[in-house]
Amino acid sequence: MKKDFLKEKRIMESAVKIFARDGFERATVDEIAADAGVGKGTIYRYYNSKEEILRSIFQILITELRVSLRAVTRNYENDFSGTYTAVMKHYFDFFRERKETFILINEINSQLLHDFFDFYLKEMHSLVDLIEDKVREGLIRPVKPETVLLSILGIFNIFLYREIRLGIKMTKNVFNDIHQFISIGLLTEKGIKTWKL
Protein backbone atom coordinates (compact mmCIF):
# COMPACT_ATOMS: atom_id res chain seq x y z
CA MET A 1 0.00 0.00 0.00
CA LYS A 2 1.31 3.43 -0.98
CA LYS A 3 1.17 5.89 1.91
CA ASP A 4 -0.43 9.30 1.57
CA PHE A 5 1.86 11.37 3.80
CA LEU A 6 -0.48 14.37 3.90
CA LYS A 7 -3.32 12.15 5.06
CA GLU A 8 -1.08 10.52 7.65
CA LYS A 9 0.00 13.95 8.88
CA ARG A 10 -3.66 15.01 9.26
CA ILE A 11 -4.37 11.84 11.22
CA MET A 12 -1.45 12.49 13.58
CA GLU A 13 -2.35 16.17 14.05
CA SER A 14 -5.94 15.19 14.83
CA ALA A 15 -4.75 12.49 17.21
CA VAL A 16 -2.61 14.99 19.15
CA LYS A 17 -5.56 17.38 19.37
CA ILE A 18 -8.08 14.71 20.45
CA PHE A 19 -5.66 13.01 22.88
CA ALA A 20 -4.79 16.35 24.50
CA ARG A 21 -8.43 17.43 24.70
CA ASP A 22 -10.02 14.18 25.89
CA GLY A 23 -7.10 12.28 27.35
CA PHE A 24 -5.54 9.26 25.68
CA GLU A 25 -7.76 6.70 27.41
CA ARG A 26 -11.07 8.45 26.56
CA ALA A 27 -10.14 9.43 22.99
CA THR A 28 -11.51 7.19 20.25
CA VAL A 29 -10.32 6.32 16.77
CA ASP A 30 -13.77 7.46 15.52
CA GLU A 31 -13.14 10.98 16.88
CA ILE A 32 -9.67 11.09 15.37
CA ALA A 33 -11.02 9.95 12.00
CA ALA A 34 -13.81 12.53 12.04
CA ASP A 35 -11.43 15.34 12.94
CA ALA A 36 -8.93 14.27 10.26
CA GLY A 37 -11.68 13.96 7.66
CA VAL A 38 -10.99 10.29 6.94
CA GLY A 39 -12.78 7.03 7.56
CA LYS A 40 -11.98 4.88 10.57
CA GLY A 41 -10.72 2.15 8.23
CA THR A 42 -8.18 4.58 6.78
CA ILE A 43 -6.64 5.05 10.19
CA TYR A 44 -6.30 1.29 10.61
CA ARG A 45 -4.50 1.12 7.25
CA TYR A 46 -1.78 3.29 8.79
CA TYR A 47 -1.86 2.20 12.44
CA ASN A 48 -2.92 -0.96 14.29
CA SER A 49 -4.03 0.84 17.46
CA LYS A 50 -4.25 4.12 19.36
CA GLU A 51 -1.02 3.14 21.10
CA GLU A 52 0.75 2.84 17.74
CA ILE A 53 -0.50 6.31 16.76
CA LEU A 54 0.85 7.68 20.02
CA ARG A 55 4.23 5.98 19.61
CA SER A 56 4.48 7.45 16.09
CA ILE A 57 3.71 10.89 17.49
CA PHE A 58 6.48 10.42 20.08
CA GLN A 59 9.00 9.21 17.49
CA ILE A 60 8.38 12.21 15.25
CA LEU A 61 8.43 14.61 18.19
CA ILE A 62 11.71 13.34 19.63
CA THR A 63 13.31 13.20 16.18
CA GLU A 64 12.29 16.83 15.56
CA LEU A 65 13.65 17.78 18.97
CA ARG A 66 16.96 15.97 18.38
CA VAL A 67 17.48 17.49 14.91
CA SER A 68 16.58 20.99 16.07
CA LEU A 69 18.83 20.67 19.15
CA ARG A 70 21.71 19.64 16.94
CA ALA A 71 21.24 22.80 14.88
CA VAL A 72 20.98 24.99 17.99
CA THR A 73 24.09 23.58 19.66
CA ARG A 74 26.31 23.59 16.56
CA ASN A 75 27.75 26.99 17.55
CA TYR A 76 28.75 25.83 21.06
CA GLU A 77 30.89 22.76 20.37
CA ASN A 78 33.58 23.55 22.96
CA ASP A 79 31.43 25.66 25.28
CA PHE A 80 29.52 23.48 27.74
CA SER A 81 27.88 26.47 29.43
CA GLY A 82 26.67 27.82 26.09
CA THR A 83 25.48 24.38 24.98
CA TYR A 84 23.61 23.79 28.23
CA THR A 85 21.92 27.23 28.05
CA ALA A 86 21.00 26.80 24.38
CA VAL A 87 19.57 23.30 24.99
CA MET A 88 17.44 24.40 27.96
CA LYS A 89 16.10 27.49 26.17
CA HIS A 90 15.39 25.51 23.02
CA TYR A 91 13.64 22.71 24.92
CA PHE A 92 11.34 25.26 26.56
CA ASP A 93 10.61 27.08 23.28
CA PHE A 94 10.12 23.78 21.44
CA PHE A 95 7.25 22.73 23.71
CA ARG A 96 5.80 26.23 23.93
CA GLU A 97 5.16 25.82 20.21
CA ARG A 98 3.66 22.33 20.74
CA LYS A 99 1.35 22.90 23.68
CA GLU A 100 -1.10 20.12 22.80
CA THR A 101 1.71 17.60 22.51
CA PHE A 102 3.14 18.72 25.84
CA ILE A 103 -0.29 18.27 27.48
CA LEU A 104 -0.56 14.82 25.91
CA ILE A 105 2.85 13.70 27.23
CA ASN A 106 1.91 14.79 30.73
CA GLU A 107 -1.45 13.01 30.77
CA ILE A 108 -0.72 9.53 29.42
CA ASN A 109 -0.51 6.32 31.39
CA SER A 110 2.70 5.13 32.94
CA GLN A 111 3.74 2.47 30.39
CA LEU A 112 3.39 4.83 27.43
CA LEU A 113 5.19 7.55 29.36
CA HIS A 114 7.96 5.06 30.14
CA ASP A 115 8.19 4.31 26.40
CA PHE A 116 8.42 8.04 25.66
CA PHE A 117 11.31 8.57 28.10
CA ASP A 118 13.14 5.46 26.86
CA PHE A 119 12.91 6.76 23.31
CA TYR A 120 13.92 10.26 24.50
CA LEU A 121 17.08 8.95 26.16
CA LYS A 122 18.04 6.83 23.13
CA GLU A 123 17.61 9.77 20.77
CA MET A 124 19.45 12.25 22.98
CA HIS A 125 22.72 10.29 22.88
CA SER A 126 24.67 13.42 21.79
CA LEU A 127 23.72 15.11 25.08
CA VAL A 128 24.65 11.96 27.00
CA ASP A 129 28.03 11.99 25.24
CA LEU A 130 28.53 15.66 26.09
CA ILE A 131 27.79 15.06 29.78
CA GLU A 132 30.15 12.04 29.85
CA ASP A 133 32.91 14.16 28.25
CA LYS A 134 32.49 16.89 30.89
CA VAL A 135 32.59 14.29 33.69
CA ARG A 136 35.90 12.96 32.27
CA GLU A 137 37.24 16.53 32.07
CA GLY A 138 36.36 17.00 35.74
CA LEU A 139 33.86 19.80 35.06
CA ILE A 140 30.77 17.85 36.13
CA ARG A 141 30.35 15.66 39.17
CA PRO A 142 30.43 11.92 38.37
CA VAL A 143 26.74 11.28 37.78
CA LYS A 144 24.83 9.16 35.30
CA PRO A 145 24.02 11.28 32.22
CA GLU A 146 20.51 9.78 32.06
CA THR A 147 19.87 11.00 35.61
CA VAL A 148 21.04 14.49 34.67
CA LEU A 149 18.88 14.62 31.53
CA LEU A 150 15.74 13.34 33.26
CA SER A 151 16.28 15.65 36.25
CA ILE A 152 16.65 18.72 34.06
CA LEU A 153 13.70 17.59 31.97
CA GLY A 154 11.60 17.21 35.12
CA ILE A 155 12.44 20.68 36.43
CA PHE A 156 11.67 22.34 33.11
CA ASN A 157 8.48 20.31 32.67
CA ILE A 158 7.14 21.72 35.94
CA PHE A 159 7.63 25.27 34.68
CA LEU A 160 6.28 24.39 31.23
CA TYR A 161 3.23 22.83 32.86
CA ARG A 162 2.66 25.98 34.93
CA GLU A 163 2.85 28.11 31.80
CA ILE A 164 0.84 25.93 29.43
CA ARG A 165 -1.83 24.67 31.83
CA LEU A 166 -2.00 27.46 34.42
CA GLY A 167 -0.98 30.50 32.38
CA ILE A 168 1.94 31.42 34.68
CA LYS A 169 4.65 32.69 32.32
CA MET A 170 8.26 31.76 32.94
CA THR A 171 10.28 34.96 33.01
CA LYS A 172 13.92 35.35 32.01
CA ASN A 173 14.78 35.78 35.71
CA VAL A 174 13.13 32.46 36.59
CA PHE A 175 14.91 30.76 33.68
CA ASN A 176 18.24 32.19 34.92
CA ASP A 177 17.52 31.07 38.50
CA ILE A 178 16.79 27.51 37.34
CA HIS A 179 19.87 27.56 35.13
CA GLN A 180 22.05 28.65 38.07
CA PHE A 181 20.41 26.19 40.50
CA ILE A 182 21.00 23.22 38.20
CA SER A 183 24.49 24.20 37.15
CA ILE A 184 25.82 24.82 40.65
CA GLY A 185 24.51 21.44 41.82
CA LEU A 186 25.97 19.69 38.80
CA LEU A 187 29.38 21.31 38.47
CA THR A 188 32.60 20.57 40.30
CA GLU A 189 34.69 23.43 41.71
CA LYS A 190 36.76 23.34 38.52
CA GLY A 191 33.56 23.44 36.45
CA ILE A 192 32.15 26.41 38.38
CA LYS A 193 35.31 28.41 37.58
CA THR A 194 34.78 27.87 33.83
CA TRP A 195 31.00 28.32 33.86
CA LYS A 196 29.35 31.49 32.59
CA LEU A 197 26.58 32.19 35.11
C-alpha atoms as a PDB file:
ATOM      1  CA  MET A   1       0.000   0.000   0.000  1.00  0.00           C
ATOM      2  CA  LYS A   2       1.314   3.426  -0.978  1.00  0.00           C
ATOM      3  CA  LYS A   3       1.170   5.891   1.911  1.00  0.00           C
ATOM      4  CA  ASP A   4      -0.433   9.297   1.565  1.00  0.00           C
ATOM      5  CA  PHE A   5       1.857  11.371   3.798  1.00  0.00           C
ATOM      6  CA  LEU A   6      -0.478  14.371   3.905  1.00  0.00           C
ATOM      7  CA  LYS A   7      -3.323  12.150   5.061  1.00  0.00           C
ATOM      8  CA  GLU A   8      -1.084  10.515   7.648  1.00  0.00           C
ATOM      9  CA  LYS A   9       0.004  13.954   8.882  1.00  0.00           C
ATOM     10  CA  ARG A  10      -3.663  15.014   9.259  1.00  0.00           C
ATOM     11  CA  ILE A  11      -4.373  11.842  11.224  1.00  0.00           C
ATOM     12  CA  MET A  12      -1.445  12.492  13.582  1.00  0.00           C
ATOM     13  CA  GLU A  13      -2.351  16.167  14.050  1.00  0.00           C
ATOM     14  CA  SER A  14      -5.939  15.191  14.825  1.00  0.00           C
ATOM     15  CA  ALA A  15      -4.745  12.491  17.213  1.00  0.00           C
ATOM     16  CA  VAL A  16      -2.613  14.994  19.152  1.00  0.00           C
ATOM     17  CA  LYS A  17      -5.564  17.383  19.367  1.00  0.00           C
ATOM     18  CA  ILE A  18      -8.082  14.715  20.454  1.00  0.00           C
ATOM     19  CA  PHE A  19      -5.657  13.006  22.881  1.00  0.00           C
ATOM     20  CA  ALA A  20      -4.785  16.351  24.503  1.00  0.00           C
ATOM     21  CA  ARG A  21      -8.430  17.432  24.702  1.00  0.00           C
ATOM     22  CA  ASP A  22     -10.023  14.183  25.895  1.00  0.00           C
ATOM     23  CA  GLY A  23      -7.098  12.276  27.354  1.00  0.00           C
ATOM     24  CA  PHE A  24      -5.537   9.258  25.685  1.00  0.00           C
ATOM     25  CA  GLU A  25      -7.760   6.698  27.408  1.00  0.00           C
ATOM     26  CA  ARG A  26     -11.068   8.452  26.559  1.00  0.00           C
ATOM     27  CA  ALA A  27     -10.143   9.425  22.990  1.00  0.00           C
ATOM     28  CA  THR A  28     -11.515   7.194  20.252  1.00  0.00           C
ATOM     29  CA  VAL A  29     -10.322   6.323  16.769  1.00  0.00           C
ATOM     30  CA  ASP A  30     -13.768   7.456  15.525  1.00  0.00           C
ATOM     31  CA  GLU A  31     -13.144  10.980  16.880  1.00  0.00           C
ATOM     32  CA  ILE A  32      -9.672  11.086  15.368  1.00  0.00           C
ATOM     33  CA  ALA A  33     -11.018   9.951  12.000  1.00  0.00           C
ATOM     34  CA  ALA A  34     -13.813  12.527  12.036  1.00  0.00           C
ATOM     35  CA  ASP A  35     -11.430  15.337  12.943  1.00  0.00           C
ATOM     36  CA  ALA A  36      -8.929  14.266  10.260  1.00  0.00           C
ATOM     37  CA  GLY A  37     -11.681  13.957   7.657  1.00  0.00           C
ATOM     38  CA  VAL A  38     -10.985  10.292   6.942  1.00  0.00           C
ATOM     39  CA  GLY A  39     -12.780   7.027   7.558  1.00  0.00           C
ATOM     40  CA  LYS A  40     -11.981   4.882  10.572  1.00  0.00           C
ATOM     41  CA  GLY A  41     -10.722   2.151   8.228  1.00  0.00           C
ATOM     42  CA  THR A  42      -8.180   4.578   6.775  1.00  0.00           C
ATOM     43  CA  ILE A  43      -6.642   5.050  10.193  1.00  0.00           C
ATOM     44  CA  TYR A  44      -6.304   1.291  10.613  1.00  0.00           C
ATOM     45  CA  ARG A  45      -4.499   1.117   7.253  1.00  0.00           C
ATOM     46  CA  TYR A  46      -1.785   3.290   8.790  1.00  0.00           C
ATOM     47  CA  TYR A  47      -1.860   2.197  12.443  1.00  0.00           C
ATOM     48  CA  ASN A  48      -2.916  -0.962  14.287  1.00  0.00           C
ATOM     49  CA  SER A  49      -4.026   0.838  17.464  1.00  0.00           C
ATOM     50  CA  LYS A  50      -4.249   4.119  19.360  1.00  0.00           C
ATOM     51  CA  GLU A  51      -1.024   3.140  21.101  1.00  0.00           C
ATOM     52  CA  GLU A  52       0.745   2.842  17.742  1.00  0.00           C
ATOM     53  CA  ILE A  53      -0.505   6.311  16.756  1.00  0.00           C
ATOM     54  CA  LEU A  54       0.850   7.677  20.023  1.00  0.00           C
ATOM     55  CA  ARG A  55       4.227   5.976  19.605  1.00  0.00           C
ATOM     56  CA  SER A  56       4.483   7.447  16.090  1.00  0.00           C
ATOM     57  CA  ILE A  57       3.715  10.888  17.491  1.00  0.00           C
ATOM     58  CA  PHE A  58       6.478  10.420  20.077  1.00  0.00           C
ATOM     59  CA  GLN A  59       9.000   9.210  17.495  1.00  0.00           C
ATOM     60  CA  ILE A  60       8.383  12.205  15.252  1.00  0.00           C
ATOM     61  CA  LEU A  61       8.427  14.608  18.187  1.00  0.00           C
ATOM     62  CA  ILE A  62      11.710  13.338  19.626  1.00  0.00           C
ATOM     63  CA  THR A  63      13.313  13.196  16.179  1.00  0.00           C
ATOM     64  CA  GLU A  64      12.286  16.834  15.558  1.00  0.00           C
ATOM     65  CA  LEU A  65      13.652  17.784  18.968  1.00  0.00           C
ATOM     66  CA  ARG A  66      16.962  15.966  18.380  1.00  0.00           C
ATOM     67  CA  VAL A  67      17.475  17.490  14.910  1.00  0.00           C
ATOM     68  CA  SER A  68      16.583  20.990  16.071  1.00  0.00           C
ATOM     69  CA  LEU A  69      18.834  20.674  19.153  1.00  0.00           C
ATOM     70  CA  ARG A  70      21.714  19.639  16.941  1.00  0.00           C
ATOM     71  CA  ALA A  71      21.236  22.800  14.876  1.00  0.00           C
ATOM     72  CA  VAL A  72      20.977  24.989  17.990  1.00  0.00           C
ATOM     73  CA  THR A  73      24.088  23.577  19.663  1.00  0.00           C
ATOM     74  CA  ARG A  74      26.309  23.586  16.565  1.00  0.00           C
ATOM     75  CA  ASN A  75      27.748  26.989  17.550  1.00  0.00           C
ATOM     76  CA  TYR A  76      28.747  25.832  21.062  1.00  0.00           C
ATOM     77  CA  GLU A  77      30.890  22.760  20.374  1.00  0.00           C
ATOM     78  CA  ASN A  78      33.581  23.547  22.962  1.00  0.00           C
ATOM     79  CA  ASP A  79      31.428  25.655  25.277  1.00  0.00           C
ATOM     80  CA  PHE A  80      29.521  23.479  27.736  1.00  0.00           C
ATOM     81  CA  SER A  81      27.881  26.470  29.434  1.00  0.00           C
ATOM     82  CA  GLY A  82      26.670  27.817  26.091  1.00  0.00           C
ATOM     83  CA  THR A  83      25.482  24.379  24.982  1.00  0.00           C
ATOM     84  CA  TYR A  84      23.612  23.794  28.232  1.00  0.00           C
ATOM     85  CA  THR A  85      21.922  27.228  28.054  1.00  0.00           C
ATOM     86  CA  ALA A  86      20.999  26.797  24.378  1.00  0.00           C
ATOM     87  CA  VAL A  87      19.570  23.303  24.991  1.00  0.00           C
ATOM     88  CA  MET A  88      17.443  24.401  27.960  1.00  0.00           C
ATOM     89  CA  LYS A  89      16.096  27.486  26.174  1.00  0.00           C
ATOM     90  CA  HIS A  90      15.390  25.507  23.015  1.00  0.00           C
ATOM     91  CA  TYR A  91      13.636  22.714  24.918  1.00  0.00           C
ATOM     92  CA  PHE A  92      11.343  25.262  26.557  1.00  0.00           C
ATOM     93  CA  ASP A  93      10.607  27.080  23.282  1.00  0.00           C
ATOM     94  CA  PHE A  94      10.116  23.777  21.437  1.00  0.00           C
ATOM     95  CA  PHE A  95       7.254  22.728  23.710  1.00  0.00           C
ATOM     96  CA  ARG A  96       5.801  26.231  23.930  1.00  0.00           C
ATOM     97  CA  GLU A  97       5.155  25.818  20.207  1.00  0.00           C
ATOM     98  CA  ARG A  98       3.661  22.330  20.738  1.00  0.00           C
ATOM     99  CA  LYS A  99       1.349  22.899  23.682  1.00  0.00           C
ATOM    100  CA  GLU A 100      -1.104  20.120  22.799  1.00  0.00           C
ATOM    101  CA  THR A 101       1.712  17.599  22.507  1.00  0.00           C
ATOM    102  CA  PHE A 102       3.143  18.720  25.837  1.00  0.00           C
ATOM    103  CA  ILE A 103      -0.287  18.271  27.476  1.00  0.00           C
ATOM    104  CA  LEU A 104      -0.560  14.821  25.911  1.00  0.00           C
ATOM    105  CA  ILE A 105       2.849  13.701  27.226  1.00  0.00           C
ATOM    106  CA  ASN A 106       1.906  14.786  30.732  1.00  0.00           C
ATOM    107  CA  GLU A 107      -1.447  13.007  30.767  1.00  0.00           C
ATOM    108  CA  ILE A 108      -0.721   9.535  29.419  1.00  0.00           C
ATOM    109  CA  ASN A 109      -0.514   6.323  31.390  1.00  0.00           C
ATOM    110  CA  SER A 110       2.701   5.127  32.942  1.00  0.00           C
ATOM    111  CA  GLN A 111       3.736   2.472  30.393  1.00  0.00           C
ATOM    112  CA  LEU A 112       3.388   4.830  27.432  1.00  0.00           C
ATOM    113  CA  LEU A 113       5.190   7.554  29.360  1.00  0.00           C
ATOM    114  CA  HIS A 114       7.957   5.063  30.144  1.00  0.00           C
ATOM    115  CA  ASP A 115       8.189   4.308  26.399  1.00  0.00           C
ATOM    116  CA  PHE A 116       8.421   8.037  25.663  1.00  0.00           C
ATOM    117  CA  PHE A 117      11.314   8.566  28.098  1.00  0.00           C
ATOM    118  CA  ASP A 118      13.141   5.460  26.855  1.00  0.00           C
ATOM    119  CA  PHE A 119      12.915   6.764  23.308  1.00  0.00           C
ATOM    120  CA  TYR A 120      13.923  10.260  24.498  1.00  0.00           C
ATOM    121  CA  LEU A 121      17.084   8.948  26.163  1.00  0.00           C
ATOM    122  CA  LYS A 122      18.039   6.830  23.132  1.00  0.00           C
ATOM    123  CA  GLU A 123      17.613   9.769  20.771  1.00  0.00           C
ATOM    124  CA  MET A 124      19.453  12.249  22.984  1.00  0.00           C
ATOM    125  CA  HIS A 125      22.720  10.295  22.876  1.00  0.00           C
ATOM    126  CA  SER A 126      24.668  13.417  21.792  1.00  0.00           C
ATOM    127  CA  LEU A 127      23.717  15.109  25.078  1.00  0.00           C
ATOM    128  CA  VAL A 128      24.648  11.958  26.997  1.00  0.00           C
ATOM    129  CA  ASP A 129      28.034  11.990  25.242  1.00  0.00           C
ATOM    130  CA  LEU A 130      28.526  15.660  26.093  1.00  0.00           C
ATOM    131  CA  ILE A 131      27.787  15.058  29.781  1.00  0.00           C
ATOM    132  CA  GLU A 132      30.147  12.042  29.846  1.00  0.00           C
ATOM    133  CA  ASP A 133      32.907  14.162  28.254  1.00  0.00           C
ATOM    134  CA  LYS A 134      32.486  16.886  30.888  1.00  0.00           C
ATOM    135  CA  VAL A 135      32.592  14.293  33.694  1.00  0.00           C
ATOM    136  CA  ARG A 136      35.901  12.957  32.269  1.00  0.00           C
ATOM    137  CA  GLU A 137      37.244  16.532  32.074  1.00  0.00           C
ATOM    138  CA  GLY A 138      36.357  17.003  35.744  1.00  0.00           C
ATOM    139  CA  LEU A 139      33.858  19.803  35.061  1.00  0.00           C
ATOM    140  CA  ILE A 140      30.771  17.852  36.126  1.00  0.00           C
ATOM    141  CA  ARG A 141      30.345  15.659  39.165  1.00  0.00           C
ATOM    142  CA  PRO A 142      30.428  11.920  38.371  1.00  0.00           C
ATOM    143  CA  VAL A 143      26.743  11.277  37.777  1.00  0.00           C
ATOM    144  CA  LYS A 144      24.827   9.162  35.303  1.00  0.00           C
ATOM    145  CA  PRO A 145      24.016  11.281  32.215  1.00  0.00           C
ATOM    146  CA  GLU A 146      20.512   9.783  32.059  1.00  0.00           C
ATOM    147  CA  THR A 147      19.869  10.999  35.608  1.00  0.00           C
ATOM    148  CA  VAL A 148      21.036  14.491  34.669  1.00  0.00           C
ATOM    149  CA  LEU A 149      18.876  14.618  31.528  1.00  0.00           C
ATOM    150  CA  LEU A 150      15.741  13.345  33.259  1.00  0.00           C
ATOM    151  CA  SER A 151      16.281  15.650  36.254  1.00  0.00           C
ATOM    152  CA  ILE A 152      16.649  18.720  34.062  1.00  0.00           C
ATOM    153  CA  LEU A 153      13.696  17.591  31.965  1.00  0.00           C
ATOM    154  CA  GLY A 154      11.596  17.212  35.120  1.00  0.00           C
ATOM    155  CA  ILE A 155      12.435  20.676  36.426  1.00  0.00           C
ATOM    156  CA  PHE A 156      11.673  22.336  33.109  1.00  0.00           C
ATOM    157  CA  ASN A 157       8.485  20.312  32.674  1.00  0.00           C
ATOM    158  CA  ILE A 158       7.136  21.722  35.944  1.00  0.00           C
ATOM    159  CA  PHE A 159       7.629  25.265  34.676  1.00  0.00           C
ATOM    160  CA  LEU A 160       6.279  24.394  31.230  1.00  0.00           C
ATOM    161  CA  TYR A 161       3.230  22.829  32.855  1.00  0.00           C
ATOM    162  CA  ARG A 162       2.659  25.978  34.926  1.00  0.00           C
ATOM    163  CA  GLU A 163       2.850  28.112  31.802  1.00  0.00           C
ATOM    164  CA  ILE A 164       0.845  25.928  29.431  1.00  0.00           C
ATOM    165  CA  ARG A 165      -1.831  24.669  31.827  1.00  0.00           C
ATOM    166  CA  LEU A 166      -2.003  27.465  34.423  1.00  0.00           C
ATOM    167  CA  GLY A 167      -0.981  30.499  32.381  1.00  0.00           C
ATOM    168  CA  ILE A 168       1.938  31.417  34.680  1.00  0.00           C
ATOM    169  CA  LYS A 169       4.651  32.686  32.318  1.00  0.00           C
ATOM    170  CA  MET A 170       8.264  31.759  32.935  1.00  0.00           C
ATOM    171  CA  THR A 171      10.276  34.959  33.010  1.00  0.00           C
ATOM    172  CA  LYS A 172      13.917  35.349  32.013  1.00  0.00           C
ATOM    173  CA  ASN A 173      14.777  35.779  35.707  1.00  0.00           C
ATOM    174  CA  VAL A 174      13.131  32.461  36.594  1.00  0.00           C
ATOM    175  CA  PHE A 175      14.913  30.761  33.681  1.00  0.00           C
ATOM    176  CA  ASN A 176      18.240  32.187  34.916  1.00  0.00           C
ATOM    177  CA  ASP A 177      17.523  31.066  38.498  1.00  0.00           C
ATOM    178  CA  ILE A 178      16.785  27.506  37.336  1.00  0.00           C
ATOM    179  CA  HIS A 179      19.872  27.558  35.134  1.00  0.00           C
ATOM    180  CA  GLN A 180      22.045  28.646  38.068  1.00  0.00           C
ATOM    181  CA  PHE A 181      20.413  26.194  40.503  1.00  0.00           C
ATOM    182  CA  ILE A 182      21.001  23.217  38.200  1.00  0.00           C
ATOM    183  CA  SER A 183      24.492  24.197  37.152  1.00  0.00           C
ATOM    184  CA  ILE A 184      25.825  24.818  40.651  1.00  0.00           C
ATOM    185  CA  GLY A 185      24.507  21.442  41.817  1.00  0.00           C
ATOM    186  CA  LEU A 186      25.968  19.691  38.800  1.00  0.00           C
ATOM    187  CA  LEU A 187      29.381  21.314  38.468  1.00  0.00           C
ATOM    188  CA  THR A 188      32.595  20.568  40.298  1.00  0.00           C
ATOM    189  CA  GLU A 189      34.687  23.427  41.709  1.00  0.00           C
ATOM    190  CA  LYS A 190      36.761  23.336  38.518  1.00  0.00           C
ATOM    191  CA  GLY A 191      33.564  23.438  36.454  1.00  0.00           C
ATOM    192  CA  ILE A 192      32.154  26.413  38.379  1.00  0.00           C
ATOM    193  CA  LYS A 193      35.310  28.415  37.577  1.00  0.00           C
ATOM    194  CA  THR A 194      34.784  27.871  33.832  1.00  0.00           C
ATOM    195  CA  TRP A 195      31.003  28.321  33.855  1.00  0.00           C
ATOM    196  CA  LYS A 196      29.346  31.489  32.585  1.00  0.00           C
ATOM    197  CA  LEU A 197      26.578  32.189  35.110  1.00  0.00           C
END
